[in-house]
Amino acid sequence: MKKVLCILSLALTTSFAFAQEDAPETTPLEITGSGDIYYKYDFAKVPNIPTSFATDQNSVSLGMLDIALKKKIKNISFVGEISFGPRGQYQSLPNGDGSSSNADNSFHIQNLYASYAVTDKLSLTAGYMGTFIGYEVISPVANFHYSTSYLFSYGPFQNAGVKANYAITEKFGAMVGVFNDSWNTYKADSQKGLNAVGGQLSYVTDKASAYVNFLDGSVSGTIVDLTATFQLTEKFKLGLNGADFSNEGDVGYSGAALYPSYAISDAFSLGLRGEYFKFKEGSGDTNVTAFTLSGNYKINGLTIIPEFRLDSNSDEVLFVDSDLAPAKSASQVLIALVYGF
């Protein structure tokens, strides 16, 4: 469920339930994706909350158009995913300086990788992949909330490398891999190469899932992450995410987020994200508490997401008021239209 079009990534990075001799010669090309637009208003009248996406103030704005392709021939699977628009290009890919006018920022590949099912339990995957770290993802079709958490925004989005997934039992799985020296880039430093090592332990049932994740490299730093989801009743679901990241110079962060949601009807759900996030000393030594209340109204493939968000920081270093003076809090409302196909 990582920072990609979540369903495709999980399908190809967990255990493969087919063997070479039982697999069909080929499957039809699958095409899935999403498109999204939003309107956001910050009560300070300027973009104010320093998390990813939904940054435009008082504007009907684009998110992204995302298209994912999946193909399987016997025990070989391939996924390619491309996106167009700010959310999928310069706002999430660091190949340029983060500005929409940057000519170098033409990369908009979210995923490009192939997998080989060695057995019905073991698979190997290589390429540019949505990260296995974290709870939220880039594509809004897989998130309950349209705005994103601090844990998402300051964590990895993609990792390029090679990994092996093994189904220990029907419920337990493990992954180990080697990855490029830095997050979010398909090209490693030629002197460092595959400098990072990562792993994951997973537990998945019909009612619950949990992933313990680890990634360490001399350039990328060290991050330990836990994500879990519990379907407590037919209508009530609880998600959680906790992470600690550190790098040289006491740079990094730690934090935790809870995601309770309740299905009021088949079409409408209400959910809250409560997050505590602390920058370490080398990154500013301050903390923020954020609450986001969102609704999800689904009609066919369309999800309408009204949202209210309130972030607080007692050090007055993250936010400003309408006079651009330091402020202890920031609040915004938005409405987003997300269509999945």
C-alpha atoms as a PDB file:
ATOM      1  CA  MET A   1       0.000   0.000   0.000  1.00  0.00           C
ATOM      2  CA  LYS A   2       2.850   2.338  -0.674  1.00  0.00           C
ATOM      3  CA  LYS A   3       3.418   5.544  -2.565  1.00  0.00           C
ATOM      4  CA  VAL A   4       2.008   4.460  -5.896  1.00  0.00           C
ATOM      5  CA  LEU A   5      -1.244   3.451  -7.286  1.00  0.00           C
ATOM      6  CA  CYS A   6      -1.622   1.256  -4.179  1.00  0.00           C
ATOM      7  CA  ILE A   7      -3.524  -1.730  -5.541  1.00  0.00           C
ATOM      8  CA  LEU A   8      -1.057  -2.467  -8.326  1.00  0.00           C
ATOM      9  CA  SER A   9       2.003  -2.204  -6.120  1.00  0.00           C
ATOM     10  CA  LEU A  10       0.653  -4.568  -3.472  1.00  0.00           C
ATOM     11  CA  ALA A  11      -0.387  -7.063  -6.110  1.00  0.00           C
ATOM     12  CA  LEU A  12       3.146  -7.312  -7.402  1.00  0.00           C
ATOM     13  CA  THR A  13       5.258  -6.841  -4.251  1.00  0.00           C
ATOM     14  CA  THR A  14       3.640  -9.447  -2.025  1.00  0.00           C
ATOM     15  CA  SER A  15       3.432 -13.182  -2.592  1.00  0.00           C
ATOM     16  CA  PHE A  16       2.510 -14.453  -6.027  1.00  0.00           C
ATOM     17  CA  ALA A  17      -0.188 -17.105  -6.002  1.00  0.00           C
ATOM     18  CA  PHE A  18       0.726 -18.800  -9.210  1.00  0.00           C
ATOM     19  CA  ALA A  19       3.394 -21.169 -10.451  1.00  0.00           C
ATOM     20  CA  GLN A  20       4.942 -21.179 -13.884  1.00  0.00           C
ATOM     21  CA  GLU A  21       3.332 -24.422 -14.983  1.00  0.00           C
ATOM     22  CA  ASP A  22      -0.156 -23.259 -13.930  1.00  0.00           C
ATOM     23  CA  ALA A  23       0.032 -19.729 -15.303  1.00  0.00           C
ATOM     24  CA  PRO A  24      -1.720 -18.821 -18.552  1.00  0.00           C
ATOM     25  CA  GLU A  25       0.437 -17.937 -21.512  1.00  0.00           C
ATOM     26  CA  THR A  26      -0.537 -14.296 -21.188  1.00  0.00           C
ATOM     27  CA  THR A  27      -3.132 -11.988 -19.685  1.00  0.00           C
ATOM     28  CA  PRO A  28      -4.819  -8.992 -21.286  1.00  0.00           C
ATOM     29  CA  LEU A  29      -3.168  -5.643 -20.762  1.00  0.00           C
ATOM     30  CA  GLU A  30      -4.758  -4.017 -17.708  1.00  0.00           C
ATOM     31  CA  ILE A  31      -5.201  -0.249 -17.726  1.00  0.00           C
ATOM     32  CA  THR A  32      -6.155   1.537 -14.528  1.00  0.00           C
ATOM     33  CA  GLY A  33      -5.667   5.036 -13.222  1.00  0.00           C
ATOM     34  CA  SER A  34      -7.149   8.154 -11.721  1.00  0.00           C
ATOM     35  CA  GLY A  35      -7.691  11.864 -12.235  1.00  0.00           C
ATOM     36  CA  ASP A  36      -8.245  14.571  -9.642  1.00  0.00           C
ATOM     37  CA  ILE A  37      -8.937  18.275  -9.232  1.00  0.00           C
ATOM     38  CA  TYR A  38      -9.406  20.362  -6.087  1.00  0.00           C
ATOM     39  CA  TYR A  39     -10.253  23.748  -4.614  1.00  0.00           C
ATOM     40  CA  LYS A  40      -8.451  24.824  -1.422  1.00  0.00           C
ATOM     41  CA  TYR A  41      -8.793  27.907   0.770  1.00  0.00           C
ATOM     42  CA  ASP A  42      -6.283  28.659   3.530  1.00  0.00           C
ATOM     43  CA  PHE A  43      -7.636  31.056   6.167  1.00  0.00           C
ATOM     44  CA  ALA A  44      -4.332  32.935   6.219  1.00  0.00           C
ATOM     45  CA  LYS A  45      -4.989  33.647   2.519  1.00  0.00           C
ATOM     46  CA  VAL A  46      -1.602  32.213   1.526  1.00  0.00           C
ATOM     47  CA  PRO A  47      -0.356  28.628   1.048  1.00  0.00           C
ATOM     48  CA  ASN A  48       0.558  27.763   4.610  1.00  0.00           C
ATOM     49  CA  ILE A  49       0.758  24.063   5.494  1.00  0.00           C
ATOM     50  CA  PRO A  50       4.106  22.523   4.438  1.00  0.00           C
ATOM     51  CA  THR A  51       2.934  19.096   3.313  1.00  0.00           C
ATOM     52  CA  SER A  52       2.800  17.654  -0.184  1.00  0.00           C
ATOM     53  CA  PHE A  53       0.159  18.504  -2.804  1.00  0.00           C
ATOM     54  CA  ALA A  54      -3.021  20.603  -2.623  1.00  0.00           C
ATOM     55  CA  THR A  55      -0.836  23.685  -2.276  1.00  0.00           C
ATOM     56  CA  ASP A  56      -2.649  26.184  -4.535  1.00  0.00           C
ATOM     57  CA  GLN A  57      -4.580  28.862  -2.651  1.00  0.00           C
ATOM     58  CA  ASN A  58      -8.116  29.945  -3.611  1.00  0.00           C
ATOM     59  CA  SER A  59      -7.932  28.183  -6.953  1.00  0.00           C
ATOM     60  CA  VAL A  60      -9.604  25.361  -8.844  1.00  0.00           C
ATOM     61  CA  SER A  61      -6.433  23.377  -9.541  1.00  0.00           C
ATOM     62  CA  LEU A  62      -5.168  20.178 -11.052  1.00  0.00           C
ATOM     63  CA  GLY A  63      -3.889  17.206  -9.140  1.00  0.00           C
ATOM     64  CA  MET A  64      -2.800  14.688 -11.729  1.00  0.00           C
ATOM     65  CA  LEU A  65      -3.886  12.264 -14.397  1.00  0.00           C
ATOM     66  CA  ASP A  66      -2.407   8.870 -13.547  1.00  0.00           C
ATOM     67  CA  ILE A  67      -2.306   5.876 -15.891  1.00  0.00           C
ATOM     68  CA  ALA A  68      -1.013   2.453 -14.864  1.00  0.00           C
ATOM     69  CA  LEU A  69      -0.378  -0.472 -17.200  1.00  0.00           C
ATOM     70  CA  LYS A  70      -0.023  -4.076 -16.056  1.00  0.00           C
ATOM     71  CA  LYS A  71       0.817  -7.145 -18.117  1.00  0.00           C
ATOM     72  CA  LYS A  72       1.669 -10.750 -17.238  1.00  0.00           C
ATOM     73  CA  ILE A  73       3.148 -13.426 -19.495  1.00  0.00           C
ATOM     74  CA  LYS A  74       3.483 -16.718 -17.666  1.00  0.00           C
ATOM     75  CA  ASN A  75       5.517 -15.938 -14.553  1.00  0.00           C
ATOM     76  CA  ILE A  76       6.765 -12.530 -15.685  1.00  0.00           C
ATOM     77  CA  SER A  77       4.817  -9.400 -14.700  1.00  0.00           C
ATOM     78  CA  PHE A  78       5.382  -5.818 -15.754  1.00  0.00           C
ATOM     79  CA  VAL A  79       4.036  -2.550 -14.378  1.00  0.00           C
ATOM     80  CA  GLY A  80       4.435   0.900 -15.852  1.00  0.00           C
ATOM     81  CA  GLU A  81       2.739   3.936 -14.328  1.00  0.00           C
ATOM     82  CA  ILE A  82       2.915   7.493 -15.592  1.00  0.00           C
ATOM     83  CA  SER A  83       1.315  10.687 -14.338  1.00  0.00           C
ATOM     84  CA  PHE A  84       0.714  14.137 -15.738  1.00  0.00           C
ATOM     85  CA  GLY A  85       0.047  17.244 -13.692  1.00  0.00           C
ATOM     86  CA  PRO A  86       1.571  18.925 -10.631  1.00  0.00           C
ATOM     87  CA  ARG A  87       0.836  16.152  -8.096  1.00  0.00           C
ATOM     88  CA  GLY A  88       2.558  13.526 -10.198  1.00  0.00           C
ATOM     89  CA  GLN A  89       5.333  15.636 -11.687  1.00  0.00           C
ATOM     90  CA  TYR A  90       7.192  18.548 -10.083  1.00  0.00           C
ATOM     91  CA  GLN A  91       5.396  18.294  -6.722  1.00  0.00           C
ATOM     92  CA  SER A  92       6.463  14.699  -6.138  1.00  0.00           C
ATOM     93  CA  LEU A  93       9.553  14.080  -8.275  1.00  0.00           C
ATOM     94  CA  PRO A  94      12.818  15.747  -7.255  1.00  0.00           C
ATOM     95  CA  ASN A  95      14.592  15.671 -10.607  1.00  0.00           C
ATOM     96  CA  GLY A  96      14.375  19.451 -10.739  1.00  0.00           C
ATOM     97  CA  ASP A  97      14.075  22.328  -8.292  1.00  0.00           C
ATOM     98  CA  GLY A  98      10.383  21.849  -7.530  1.00  0.00           C
ATOM     99  CA  SER A  99       9.112  24.706  -9.682  1.00  0.00           C
ATOM    100  CA  SER A 100       6.596  24.214 -12.454  1.00  0.00           C
ATOM    101  CA  SER A 101       8.774  26.179 -14.872  1.00  0.00           C
ATOM    102  CA  ASN A 102      11.823  23.954 -14.442  1.00  0.00           C
ATOM    103  CA  ALA A 103      12.662  22.465 -17.845  1.00  0.00           C
ATOM    104  CA  ASP A 104      14.542  19.581 -16.227  1.00  0.00           C
ATOM    105  CA  ASN A 105      11.447  18.415 -14.418  1.00  0.00           C
ATOM    106  CA  SER A 106      10.018  16.308 -17.205  1.00  0.00           C
ATOM    107  CA  PHE A 107      10.102  12.975 -15.357  1.00  0.00           C
ATOM    108  CA  HIS A 108       6.652  11.709 -14.497  1.00  0.00           C
ATOM    109  CA  ILE A 109       7.178   7.958 -14.196  1.00  0.00           C
ATOM    110  CA  GLN A 110       5.738   6.702 -10.927  1.00  0.00           C
ATOM    111  CA  ASN A 111       6.572   3.037 -11.479  1.00  0.00           C
ATOM    112  CA  LEU A 112       8.530   1.070 -14.034  1.00  0.00           C
ATOM    113  CA  TYR A 113       9.456  -2.428 -12.922  1.00  0.00           C
ATOM    114  CA  ALA A 114       9.240  -6.127 -13.726  1.00  0.00           C
ATOM    115  CA  SER A 115       8.695  -9.130 -11.465  1.00  0.00           C
ATOM    116  CA  TYR A 116       9.641 -12.782 -11.885  1.00  0.00           C
ATOM    117  CA  ALA A 117       7.753 -15.449  -9.912  1.00  0.00           C
ATOM    118  CA  VAL A 118      10.481 -17.986  -9.177  1.00  0.00           C
ATOM    119  CA  THR A 119       8.034 -20.200  -7.295  1.00  0.00           C
ATOM    120  CA  ASP A 120       4.561 -19.788  -5.883  1.00  0.00           C
ATOM    121  CA  LYS A 121       6.214 -18.300  -2.755  1.00  0.00           C
ATOM    122  CA  LEU A 122       9.243 -16.395  -4.039  1.00  0.00           C
ATOM    123  CA  SER A 123       9.269 -13.451  -6.447  1.00  0.00           C
ATOM    124  CA  LEU A 124      11.997 -11.084  -7.597  1.00  0.00           C
ATOM    125  CA  THR A 125      11.306  -7.480  -8.611  1.00  0.00           C
ATOM    126  CA  ALA A 126      13.611  -4.918 -10.208  1.00  0.00           C
ATOM    127  CA  GLY A 127      13.126  -1.342 -11.354  1.00  0.00           C
ATOM    128  CA  TYR A 128      11.787   1.989 -10.142  1.00  0.00           C
ATOM    129  CA  MET A 129       9.111   1.271  -7.561  1.00  0.00           C
ATOM    130  CA  GLY A 130       6.755   3.069  -5.248  1.00  0.00           C
ATOM    131  CA  THR A 131       8.272   2.886  -1.793  1.00  0.00           C
ATOM    132  CA  PHE A 132       7.257   0.232   0.688  1.00  0.00           C
ATOM    133  CA  ILE A 133       7.576   2.850   3.472  1.00  0.00           C
ATOM    134  CA  GLY A 134       4.531   4.655   4.833  1.00  0.00           C
ATOM    135  CA  TYR A 135       0.737   4.614   4.967  1.00  0.00           C
ATOM    136  CA  GLU A 136      -0.289   7.212   2.381  1.00  0.00           C
ATOM    137  CA  VAL A 137       0.514   7.194  -1.328  1.00  0.00           C
ATOM    138  CA  ILE A 138       0.954   9.649  -4.188  1.00  0.00           C
ATOM    139  CA  SER A 139      -2.221   8.728  -6.071  1.00  0.00           C
ATOM    140  CA  PRO A 140      -5.212  10.194  -4.184  1.00  0.00           C
ATOM    141  CA  VAL A 141      -7.475   7.340  -5.264  1.00  0.00           C
ATOM    142  CA  ALA A 142      -5.834   5.161  -2.583  1.00  0.00           C
ATOM    143  CA  ASN A 143      -5.974   7.743   0.261  1.00  0.00           C
ATOM    144  CA  PHE A 144      -8.954   8.622   2.431  1.00  0.00           C
ATOM    145  CA  HIS A 145      -7.781  12.220   2.926  1.00  0.00           C
ATOM    146  CA  TYR A 146      -6.846  14.439   0.003  1.00  0.00           C
ATOM    147  CA  SER A 147      -4.204  16.520   1.769  1.00  0.00           C
ATOM    148  CA  THR A 148      -1.256  14.486   2.996  1.00  0.00           C
ATOM    149  CA  SER A 149       0.453  13.871   6.320  1.00  0.00           C
ATOM    150  CA  TYR A 150       3.871  15.106   7.408  1.00  0.00           C
ATOM    151  CA  LEU A 151       5.024  11.495   7.634  1.00  0.00           C
ATOM    152  CA  PHE A 152       4.193  11.054   3.963  1.00  0.00           C
ATOM    153  CA  SER A 153       5.621  14.367   2.833  1.00  0.00           C
ATOM    154  CA  TYR A 154       9.003  13.957   4.514  1.00  0.00           C
ATOM    155  CA  GLY A 155       9.408  10.253   3.779  1.00  0.00           C
ATOM    156  CA  PRO A 156      10.447   8.457   0.595  1.00  0.00           C
ATOM    157  CA  PHE A 157       8.160   8.346  -2.429  1.00  0.00           C
ATOM    158  CA  GLN A 158      10.031   5.885  -4.646  1.00  0.00           C
ATOM    159  CA  ASN A 159      12.979   3.511  -4.407  1.00  0.00           C
ATOM    160  CA  ALA A 160      14.912   2.097  -7.350  1.00  0.00           C
ATOM    161  CA  GLY A 161      16.531  -1.272  -6.847  1.00  0.00           C
ATOM    162  CA  VAL A 162      16.071  -5.027  -6.644  1.00  0.00           C
ATOM    163  CA  LYS A 163      14.064  -6.901  -4.030  1.00  0.00           C
ATOM    164  CA  ALA A 164      12.882 -10.401  -3.182  1.00  0.00           C
ATOM    165  CA  ASN A 165       9.483 -11.187  -1.655  1.00  0.00           C
ATOM    166  CA  TYR A 166       8.812 -14.461   0.115  1.00  0.00           C
ATOM    167  CA  ALA A 167       5.472 -15.778   1.397  1.00  0.00           C
ATOM    168  CA  ILE A 168       6.389 -17.457   4.690  1.00  0.00           C
ATOM    169  CA  THR A 169       2.799 -18.580   5.290  1.00  0.00           C
ATOM    170  CA  GLU A 170      -0.600 -17.514   4.007  1.00  0.00           C
ATOM    171  CA  LYS A 171      -0.523 -14.607   6.464  1.00  0.00           C
ATOM    172  CA  PHE A 172       3.155 -13.762   6.945  1.00  0.00           C
ATOM    173  CA  GLY A 173       5.523 -12.411   4.302  1.00  0.00           C
ATOM    174  CA  ALA A 174       9.026 -10.993   4.105  1.00  0.00           C
ATOM    175  CA  MET A 175      10.923  -8.752   1.727  1.00  0.00           C
ATOM    176  CA  VAL A 176      14.599  -7.849   1.453  1.00  0.00           C
ATOM    177  CA  GLY A 177      16.200  -5.618  -1.157  1.00  0.00           C
ATOM    178  CA  VAL A 178      19.073  -3.393  -2.199  1.00  0.00           C
ATOM    179  CA  PHE A 179      18.288   0.086  -3.495  1.00  0.00           C
ATOM    180  CA  ASN A 180      19.915   3.154  -4.993  1.00  0.00           C
ATOM    181  CA  ASP A 181      21.767   5.391  -2.563  1.00  0.00           C
ATOM    182  CA  SER A 182      19.068   8.120  -2.510  1.00  0.00           C
ATOM    183  CA  TRP A 183      15.290   8.178  -2.336  1.00  0.00           C
ATOM    184  CA  ASN A 184      13.090   9.269  -5.232  1.00  0.00           C
ATOM    185  CA  THR A 185      15.576   8.973  -8.054  1.00  0.00           C
ATOM    186  CA  TYR A 186      16.129   6.347 -10.698  1.00  0.00           C
ATOM    187  CA  LYS A 187      19.830   7.205 -10.969  1.00  0.00           C
ATOM    188  CA  ALA A 188      22.355   6.504  -8.218  1.00  0.00           C
ATOM    189  CA  ASP A 189      25.646   8.230  -7.563  1.00  0.00           C
ATOM    190  CA  SER A 190      28.096   6.203  -9.660  1.00  0.00           C
ATOM    191  CA  GLN A 191      30.518   5.954  -6.738  1.00  0.00           C
ATOM    192  CA  LYS A 192      27.890   4.637  -4.306  1.00  0.00           C
ATOM    193  CA  GLY A 193      25.434   2.684  -6.454  1.00  0.00           C
ATOM    194  CA  LEU A 194      23.154   0.306  -4.585  1.00  0.00           C
ATOM    195  CA  ASN A 195      24.039   1.796  -1.237  1.00  0.00           C
ATOM    196  CA  ALA A 196      20.810   1.224   0.699  1.00  0.00           C
ATOM    197  CA  VAL A 197      19.412  -1.975   2.188  1.00  0.00           C
ATOM    198  CA  GLY A 198      15.740  -2.407   3.013  1.00  0.00           C
ATOM    199  CA  GLY A 199      13.399  -5.005   4.403  1.00  0.00           C
ATOM    200  CA  GLN A 200       9.791  -5.630   5.359  1.00  0.00           C
ATOM    201  CA  LEU A 201       7.856  -8.081   7.504  1.00  0.00           C
ATOM    202  CA  SER A 202       4.135  -8.286   6.770  1.00  0.00           C
ATOM    203  CA  TYR A 203       1.047  -9.825   8.322  1.00  0.00           C
ATOM    204  CA  VAL A 204      -2.195  -9.758   6.338  1.00  0.00           C
ATOM    205  CA  THR A 205      -5.633 -11.215   7.095  1.00  0.00           C
ATOM    206  CA  ASP A 206      -9.175 -10.327   6.077  1.00  0.00           C
ATOM    207  CA  LYS A 207      -9.563  -8.077   9.116  1.00  0.00           C
ATOM    208  CA  ALA A 208      -6.079  -6.671   9.697  1.00  0.00           C
ATOM    209  CA  SER A 209      -2.753  -5.937   8.075  1.00  0.00           C
ATOM    210  CA  ALA A 210       0.566  -4.793   9.490  1.00  0.00           C
ATOM    211  CA  TYR A 211       3.906  -3.928   7.875  1.00  0.00           C
ATOM    212  CA  VAL A 212       7.201  -3.331   9.683  1.00  0.00           C
ATOM    213  CA  ASN A 213       9.599  -1.579   7.307  1.00  0.00           C
ATOM    214  CA  PHE A 214      13.283  -0.703   7.415  1.00  0.00           C
ATOM    215  CA  LEU A 215      15.570   1.181   5.020  1.00  0.00           C
ATOM    216  CA  ASP A 216      19.175   2.171   5.678  1.00  0.00           C
ATOM    217  CA  GLY A 217      21.906   3.778   3.585  1.00  0.00           C
ATOM    218  CA  SER A 218      24.872   6.075   4.130  1.00  0.00           C
ATOM    219  CA  VAL A 219      23.284   8.703   1.869  1.00  0.00           C
ATOM    220  CA  SER A 220      19.566   8.159   2.385  1.00  0.00           C
ATOM    221  CA  GLY A 221      19.782   7.707   6.146  1.00  0.00           C
ATOM    222  CA  THR A 222      17.881   5.256   8.315  1.00  0.00           C
ATOM    223  CA  ILE A 223      14.115   4.981   8.525  1.00  0.00           C
ATOM    224  CA  VAL A 224      12.035   2.519  10.545  1.00  0.00           C
ATOM    225  CA  ASP A 225       8.324   2.496   9.828  1.00  0.00           C
ATOM    226  CA  LEU A 226       5.163   0.710  10.975  1.00  0.00           C
ATOM    227  CA  THR A 227       1.864   0.793   9.115  1.00  0.00           C
ATOM    228  CA  ALA A 228      -1.243  -1.132  10.090  1.00  0.00           C
ATOM    229  CA  THR A 229      -4.951  -1.297   9.309  1.00  0.00           C
ATOM    230  CA  PHE A 230      -7.681  -2.898  11.415  1.00  0.00           C
ATOM    231  CA  GLN A 231     -11.274  -3.491  10.294  1.00  0.00           C
ATOM    232  CA  LEU A 232     -12.699  -3.389  13.792  1.00  0.00           C
ATOM    233  CA  THR A 233     -16.340  -3.690  12.760  1.00  0.00           C
ATOM    234  CA  GLU A 234     -18.189  -3.805   9.473  1.00  0.00           C
ATOM    235  CA  LYS A 235     -18.316   0.001   9.462  1.00  0.00           C
ATOM    236  CA  PHE A 236     -15.390   1.116  11.622  1.00  0.00           C
ATOM    237  CA  LYS A 237     -11.804   1.001  10.353  1.00  0.00           C
ATOM    238  CA  LEU A 238      -8.623   2.141  12.085  1.00  0.00           C
ATOM    239  CA  GLY A 239      -5.266   2.784  10.453  1.00  0.00           C
ATOM    240  CA  LEU A 240      -1.987   3.807  12.022  1.00  0.00           C
ATOM    241  CA  ASN A 241       1.448   4.902  10.919  1.00  0.00           C
ATOM    242  CA  GLY A 242       4.557   5.501  12.973  1.00  0.00           C
ATOM    243  CA  ALA A 243       8.071   6.285  11.753  1.00  0.00           C
ATOM    244  CA  ASP A 244      11.498   7.431  12.839  1.00  0.00           C
ATOM    245  CA  PHE A 245      14.037   8.817  10.369  1.00  0.00           C
ATOM    246  CA  SER A 246      17.586   9.944  11.073  1.00  0.00           C
ATOM    247  CA  ASN A 247      20.611  11.042   9.086  1.00  0.00           C
ATOM    248  CA  GLU A 248      23.959  12.694   9.783  1.00  0.00           C
ATOM    249  CA  GLY A 249      23.952  15.845  11.895  1.00  0.00           C
ATOM    250  CA  ASP A 250      20.874  14.755  13.877  1.00  0.00           C
ATOM    251  CA  VAL A 251      18.763  15.470  10.802  1.00  0.00           C
ATOM    252  CA  GLY A 252      15.439  13.700  10.720  1.00  0.00           C
ATOM    253  CA  TYR A 253      12.028  13.341  12.309  1.00  0.00           C
ATOM    254  CA  SER A 254       9.756  11.027  14.251  1.00  0.00           C
ATOM    255  CA  GLY A 255       6.000  10.884  14.361  1.00  0.00           C
ATOM    256  CA  ALA A 256       2.777   8.919  14.508  1.00  0.00           C
ATOM    257  CA  ALA A 257      -0.654   9.194  12.929  1.00  0.00           C
ATOM    258  CA  LEU A 258      -4.036   7.556  13.557  1.00  0.00           C
ATOM    259  CA  TYR A 259      -6.694   7.147  10.861  1.00  0.00           C
ATOM    260  CA  PRO A 260     -10.141   6.224  12.237  1.00  0.00           C
ATOM    261  CA  SER A 261     -12.984   6.158   9.703  1.00  0.00           C
ATOM    262  CA  TYR A 262     -16.637   5.198   9.856  1.00  0.00           C
ATOM    263  CA  ALA A 263     -18.940   4.175   7.009  1.00  0.00           C
ATOM    264  CA  ILE A 264     -22.163   6.056   7.662  1.00  0.00           C
ATOM    265  CA  SER A 265     -23.728   4.507   4.557  1.00  0.00           C
ATOM    266  CA  ASP A 266     -22.617   2.520   1.529  1.00  0.00           C
ATOM    267  CA  ALA A 267     -21.872   5.800  -0.252  1.00  0.00           C
ATOM    268  CA  PHE A 268     -20.574   8.081   2.519  1.00  0.00           C
ATOM    269  CA  SER A 269     -17.771   7.693   5.068  1.00  0.00           C
ATOM    270  CA  LEU A 270     -16.295  10.128   7.569  1.00  0.00           C
ATOM    271  CA  GLY A 271     -12.684   9.937   8.698  1.00  0.00           C
ATOM    272  CA  LEU A 272     -10.165  11.720  10.908  1.00  0.00           C
ATOM    273  CA  ARG A 273      -6.395  11.869  10.683  1.00  0.00           C
ATOM    274  CA  GLY A 274      -4.643  12.839  13.900  1.00  0.00           C
ATOM    275  CA  GLU A 275      -0.886  13.281  13.603  1.00  0.00           C
ATOM    276  CA  TYR A 276       2.009  14.249  15.847  1.00  0.00           C
ATOM    277  CA  PHE A 277       5.239  15.019  14.004  1.00  0.00           C
ATOM    278  CA  LYS A 278       8.564  16.184  15.462  1.00  0.00           C
ATOM    279  CA  PHE A 279      11.590  17.472  13.559  1.00  0.00           C
ATOM    280  CA  LYS A 280      14.894  16.463  15.141  1.00  0.00           C
ATOM    281  CA  GLU A 281      17.457  19.020  16.248  1.00  0.00           C
ATOM    282  CA  GLY A 282      19.292  19.190  12.934  1.00  0.00           C
ATOM    283  CA  SER A 283      15.999  19.741  11.089  1.00  0.00           C
ATOM    284  CA  GLY A 284      14.629  22.540  13.247  1.00  0.00           C
ATOM    285  CA  ASP A 285      13.806  20.913  16.597  1.00  0.00           C
ATOM    286  CA  THR A 286      10.115  21.716  16.511  1.00  0.00           C
ATOM    287  CA  ASN A 287       6.900  19.719  16.451  1.00  0.00           C
ATOM    288  CA  VAL A 288       3.461  19.968  14.912  1.00  0.00           C
ATOM    289  CA  THR A 289       0.075  18.494  15.743  1.00  0.00           C
ATOM    290  CA  ALA A 290      -2.368  18.159  12.870  1.00  0.00           C
ATOM    291  CA  PHE A 291      -6.026  17.128  12.660  1.00  0.00           C
ATOM    292  CA  THR A 292      -7.771  16.521   9.343  1.00  0.00           C
ATOM    293  CA  LEU A 293     -11.485  15.735   9.062  1.00  0.00           C
ATOM    294  CA  SER A 294     -12.597  14.407   5.679  1.00  0.00           C
ATOM    295  CA  GLY A 295     -15.688  12.945   4.094  1.00  0.00           C
ATOM    296  CA  ASN A 296     -15.735  10.465   1.230  1.00  0.00           C
ATOM    297  CA  TYR A 297     -18.856  10.418  -0.920  1.00  0.00           C
ATOM    298  CA  LYS A 298     -18.619   7.790  -3.640  1.00  0.00           C
ATOM    299  CA  ILE A 299     -20.758   7.678  -6.748  1.00  0.00           C
ATOM    300  CA  ASN A 300     -19.698   5.148  -9.373  1.00  0.00           C
ATOM    301  CA  GLY A 301     -15.971   5.763  -9.839  1.00  0.00           C
ATOM    302  CA  LEU A 302     -16.034   9.321  -8.450  1.00  0.00           C
ATOM    303  CA  THR A 303     -15.109  10.213  -4.859  1.00  0.00           C
ATOM    304  CA  ILE A 304     -16.011  13.689  -3.569  1.00  0.00           C
ATOM    305  CA  ILE A 305     -13.788  14.685  -0.623  1.00  0.00           C
ATOM    306  CA  PRO A 306     -14.719  17.715   1.508  1.00  0.00           C
ATOM    307  CA  GLU A 307     -12.011  18.386   4.081  1.00  0.00           C
ATOM    308  CA  PHE A 308     -11.156  20.633   7.001  1.00  0.00           C
ATOM    309  CA  ARG A 309      -7.627  20.733   8.442  1.00  0.00           C
ATOM    310  CA  LEU A 310      -6.103  22.401  11.520  1.00  0.00           C
ATOM    311  CA  ASP A 311      -2.348  22.258  12.215  1.00  0.00           C
ATOM    312  CA  SER A 312      -0.692  23.662  15.349  1.00  0.00           C
ATOM    313  CA  ASN A 313       2.921  24.521  16.208  1.00  0.00           C
ATOM    314  CA  SER A 314       3.713  26.275  19.496  1.00  0.00           C
ATOM    315  CA  ASP A 315       7.127  27.513  18.294  1.00  0.00           C
ATOM    316  CA  GLU A 316       5.546  29.719  15.614  1.00  0.00           C
ATOM    317  CA  VAL A 317       8.100  28.665  12.996  1.00  0.00           C
ATOM    318  CA  LEU A 318       5.939  26.769  10.485  1.00  0.00           C
ATOM    319  CA  PHE A 319       2.918  28.984   9.887  1.00  0.00           C
ATOM    320  CA  VAL A 320       1.956  32.595   9.225  1.00  0.00           C
ATOM    321  CA  ASP A 321      -1.237  34.593   9.601  1.00  0.00           C
ATOM    322  CA  SER A 322      -2.918  36.780   6.991  1.00  0.00           C
ATOM    323  CA  ASP A 323      -0.382  39.564   7.724  1.00  0.00           C
ATOM    324  CA  LEU A 324       2.465  37.069   7.123  1.00  0.00           C
ATOM    325  CA  ALA A 325       3.436  37.259  10.797  1.00  0.00           C
ATOM    326  CA  PRO A 326       4.468  34.037  12.592  1.00  0.00           C
ATOM    327  CA  ALA A 327       1.452  32.086  13.856  1.00  0.00           C
ATOM    328  CA  LYS A 328       0.851  29.108  16.124  1.00  0.00           C
ATOM    329  CA  SER A 329      -1.643  27.424  13.811  1.00  0.00           C
ATOM    330  CA  ALA A 330      -2.876  27.120  10.243  1.00  0.00           C
ATOM    331  CA  SER A 331      -6.237  25.976   8.960  1.00  0.00           C
ATOM    332  CA  GLN A 332      -7.687  25.254   5.545  1.00  0.00           C
ATOM    333  CA  VAL A 333     -10.727  23.822   3.824  1.00  0.00           C
ATOM    334  CA  LEU A 334     -10.824  22.055   0.495  1.00  0.00           C
ATOM    335  CA  ILE A 335     -13.006  19.977  -1.740  1.00  0.00           C
ATOM    336  CA  ALA A 336     -11.531  17.463  -4.141  1.00  0.00           C
ATOM    337  CA  LEU A 337     -12.947  15.352  -6.949  1.00  0.00           C
ATOM    338  CA  VAL A 338     -11.070  12.084  -7.465  1.00  0.00           C
ATOM    339  CA  TYR A 339     -12.054   9.685 -10.221  1.00  0.00           C
ATOM    340  CA  GLY A 340     -10.618   6.180 -10.426  1.00  0.00           C
ATOM    341  CA  PHE A 341     -10.900   3.897 -13.420  1.00  0.00           C
END
